[in-house]
Protein backbone atom coordinates (compact mmCIF):
# COMPACT_ATOMS: atom_id res chain seq x y z
CA UNK A 1 -18.08 -2.06 -5.29
CA UNK A 2 -14.71 -3.50 -4.48
CA UNK A 3 -14.53 -5.23 -7.86
CA UNK A 4 -16.61 -8.06 -6.39
CA UNK A 5 -17.33 -10.81 -8.92
CA UNK A 6 -21.10 -10.49 -8.67
CA UNK A 7 -21.79 -11.12 -12.35
CA UNK A 8 -20.09 -14.49 -12.36
CA UNK A 9 -23.58 -15.81 -11.62
CA UNK A 10 -26.06 -16.09 -14.49
CA UNK A 11 -29.03 -14.94 -12.40
CA UNK A 12 -27.44 -11.52 -11.78
CA UNK A 13 -26.42 -11.07 -15.44
CA UNK A 14 -29.94 -12.01 -16.52
CA UNK A 15 -31.35 -9.37 -14.17
CA UNK A 16 -29.18 -6.66 -15.75
CA UNK A 17 -30.15 -7.80 -19.25
CA UNK A 18 -33.84 -7.79 -18.32
CA UNK A 19 -33.48 -4.22 -17.10
CA UNK A 20 -31.69 -3.12 -20.25
CA UNK A 21 -34.50 -4.66 -22.30
CA UNK A 22 -37.11 -2.94 -20.13
CA UNK A 23 -35.27 0.36 -20.49
CA UNK A 24 -35.16 -0.08 -24.25
CA UNK A 25 -38.91 -0.65 -24.45
CA UNK A 26 -40.18 1.64 -21.69
CA UNK A 27 -37.52 4.28 -21.00
CA UNK A 28 -36.38 5.30 -24.48
CA UNK A 29 -32.95 3.73 -24.17
CA UNK A 30 -30.96 2.86 -27.26
CA UNK A 31 -28.50 0.14 -26.21
CA UNK A 32 -25.87 0.07 -28.93
CA UNK A 33 -23.37 -2.08 -27.09
CA UNK A 34 -22.87 -3.84 -23.78
CA UNK A 35 -20.56 -6.25 -22.02
CA UNK A 36 -21.18 -7.73 -18.59
CA UNK A 37 -17.89 -8.87 -17.05
CA UNK A 38 -17.79 -10.67 -13.70
CA UNK A 39 -17.18 -7.47 -11.71
CA UNK A 40 -18.42 -4.60 -13.91
CA UNK A 41 -20.43 -3.68 -16.97
CA UNK A 42 -19.74 -1.52 -20.01
CA UNK A 43 -22.52 0.20 -21.93
CA UNK A 44 -22.67 2.26 -25.08
CA UNK A 45 -26.15 3.75 -24.90
CA UNK A 46 -28.22 6.78 -25.77
CA UNK A 47 -31.41 8.00 -24.15
CA UNK A 48 -34.08 9.11 -26.62
CA UNK A 49 -34.88 12.38 -24.83
CA UNK A 50 -31.26 13.19 -23.99
CA UNK A 51 -31.77 12.36 -20.32
CA UNK A 52 -28.98 9.81 -20.03
CA UNK A 53 -27.76 10.91 -16.60
CA UNK A 54 -31.30 10.52 -15.24
CA UNK A 55 -31.56 7.05 -16.77
CA UNK A 56 -28.19 6.02 -15.29
CA UNK A 57 -29.26 7.32 -11.87
CA UNK A 58 -32.56 5.43 -12.00
CA UNK A 59 -30.97 2.26 -13.42
CA UNK A 60 -28.32 2.15 -10.72
CA UNK A 61 -30.81 2.92 -7.95
CA UNK A 62 -33.29 0.25 -9.06
CA UNK A 63 -30.77 -2.46 -9.92
CA UNK A 64 -28.72 -1.96 -6.77
CA UNK A 65 -31.74 -2.39 -4.50
CA UNK A 66 -32.99 -5.45 -6.36
CA UNK A 67 -29.57 -7.08 -6.78
CA UNK A 68 -28.78 -6.65 -3.10
CA UNK A 69 -32.13 -8.23 -2.22
CA UNK A 70 -31.61 -11.11 -4.67
CA UNK A 71 -28.06 -11.75 -3.44
CA UNK A 72 -28.82 -11.56 0.27
CA UNK A 73 -32.01 -13.61 0.06
CA UNK A 74 -30.65 -16.28 -2.28
CA UNK A 75 -30.18 -19.46 -0.21
CA UNK A 76 -27.91 -20.88 -2.92
CA UNK A 77 -25.53 -17.90 -2.89
CA UNK A 78 -22.43 -19.30 -1.18
CA UNK A 79 -20.72 -15.88 -1.19
CA UNK A 80 -23.55 -14.03 0.54
CA UNK A 81 -21.66 -13.05 3.71
CA UNK A 82 -18.52 -12.10 1.78
CA UNK A 83 -20.47 -9.91 -0.66
CA UNK A 84 -22.44 -8.30 2.17
CA UNK A 85 -19.16 -7.48 3.94
CA UNK A 86 -17.84 -5.78 0.77
CA UNK A 87 -21.03 -3.75 0.25
CA UNK A 88 -21.13 -2.72 3.93
CA UNK A 89 -17.46 -1.73 3.94
CA UNK A 90 -17.80 0.56 0.93
CA UNK A 91 -21.06 2.09 2.20
CA UNK A 92 -19.19 3.37 5.28
CA UNK A 93 -17.28 5.81 3.09
CA UNK A 94 -20.34 7.25 1.39
CA UNK A 95 -22.99 9.17 3.29
CA UNK A 96 -25.58 8.66 0.52
CA UNK A 97 -25.20 4.88 0.32
CA UNK A 98 -27.10 3.74 3.41
CA UNK A 99 -25.98 0.41 4.90
CA UNK A 100 -24.92 -1.23 1.64
CA UNK A 101 -23.43 0.13 -1.56
CA UNK A 102 -23.58 -1.94 -4.75
CA UNK A 103 -22.49 0.40 -7.58
CA UNK A 104 -19.75 3.00 -7.49
CA UNK A 105 -20.98 6.56 -7.82
CA UNK A 106 -18.65 7.18 -10.74
CA UNK A 107 -19.91 6.34 -14.20
CA UNK A 108 -16.84 7.04 -16.31
CA UNK A 109 -19.20 8.43 -18.94
CA UNK A 110 -17.66 9.49 -22.22
CA UNK A 111 -19.65 11.43 -24.78
CA UNK A 112 -19.26 9.77 -28.15
CA UNK A 113 -19.93 12.35 -30.83
CA UNK A 114 -17.97 11.03 -33.82
CA UNK A 115 -18.26 7.72 -35.66
CA UNK A 116 -14.61 6.92 -34.97
CA UNK A 117 -15.20 7.37 -31.24
CA UNK A 118 -18.19 5.04 -31.28
CA UNK A 119 -16.27 2.40 -33.24
CA UNK A 120 -13.30 2.68 -30.89
CA UNK A 121 -15.45 2.39 -27.74
CA UNK A 122 -17.44 -0.53 -29.15
CA UNK A 123 -14.20 -2.35 -29.99
CA UNK A 124 -12.86 -1.60 -26.51
CA UNK A 125 -15.89 -2.98 -24.68
CA UNK A 126 -16.27 -6.00 -26.98
CA UNK A 127 -12.58 -6.85 -26.61
CA UNK A 128 -12.78 -6.67 -22.80
CA UNK A 129 -13.41 -10.43 -22.33
CA UNK A 130 -10.62 -11.18 -24.83
CA UNK A 131 -8.13 -8.97 -22.93
CA UNK A 132 -9.21 -10.69 -19.71
CA UNK A 133 -8.40 -14.07 -21.25
CA UNK A 134 -11.96 -15.35 -20.94
CA UNK A 135 -12.55 -15.96 -24.66
CA UNK A 136 -10.53 -15.94 -27.83
CA UNK A 137 -12.95 -13.89 -29.93
CA UNK A 138 -15.37 -11.16 -28.74
CA UNK A 139 -18.41 -12.90 -30.26
CA UNK A 140 -17.70 -16.00 -28.16
CA UNK A 141 -18.57 -14.11 -24.98
CA UNK A 142 -22.24 -14.71 -24.20
CA UNK A 143 -22.95 -11.55 -22.15
CA UNK A 144 -21.96 -9.15 -24.90
CA UNK A 145 -23.47 -7.35 -27.85
CA UNK A 146 -20.45 -8.50 -29.87
CA UNK A 147 -22.62 -11.52 -30.66
CA UNK A 148 -25.29 -9.30 -32.22
CA UNK A 149 -22.74 -7.44 -34.32
CA UNK A 150 -21.15 -10.66 -35.58
CA UNK A 151 -24.48 -12.05 -36.81
CA UNK A 152 -25.01 -14.45 -33.89
CA UNK A 153 -28.08 -14.43 -31.65
CA UNK A 154 -27.49 -12.02 -28.80
CA UNK A 155 -29.11 -12.33 -25.39
CA UNK A 156 -30.98 -9.06 -25.89
CA UNK A 157 -31.82 -6.82 -28.81
CA UNK A 158 -29.55 -3.91 -29.47
CA UNK A 159 -29.95 -0.84 -31.61
CA UNK A 160 -27.30 -0.89 -34.29
CA UNK A 161 -25.61 2.42 -34.82
């Protein structure tokens, strides 16, 4: 929420990647592409049984609870109070959020049903760190499946489309 730069810390990125890997193995998720930017993530995924909205709901519910706990209980997190203030502020505007809200309720999901659409979306998400001026080439960004697609070792396995 609030475009807070949560994922500028490795520990929080690693947690998301662990959950994507778990979902791949245990929840029938096909992660084709991903990028974790400091304040949001992009995914190109498919759920084996066609229950993507259920997976997104469960992923957001589980990761939000755990990330909030990790952030607020991390003695080395210098931004703890600031982040808590952001999550509390945004929760006030959502009756379902409780005291803290980590993720937005919108998913900006786009159904990709043609090869050209998949290629376009993959290019878009992989170029995100380049457009942000973080790296020169998509494969140079560590928290991205662009590494997998360029023949480099990615942080997690992806399913190539």
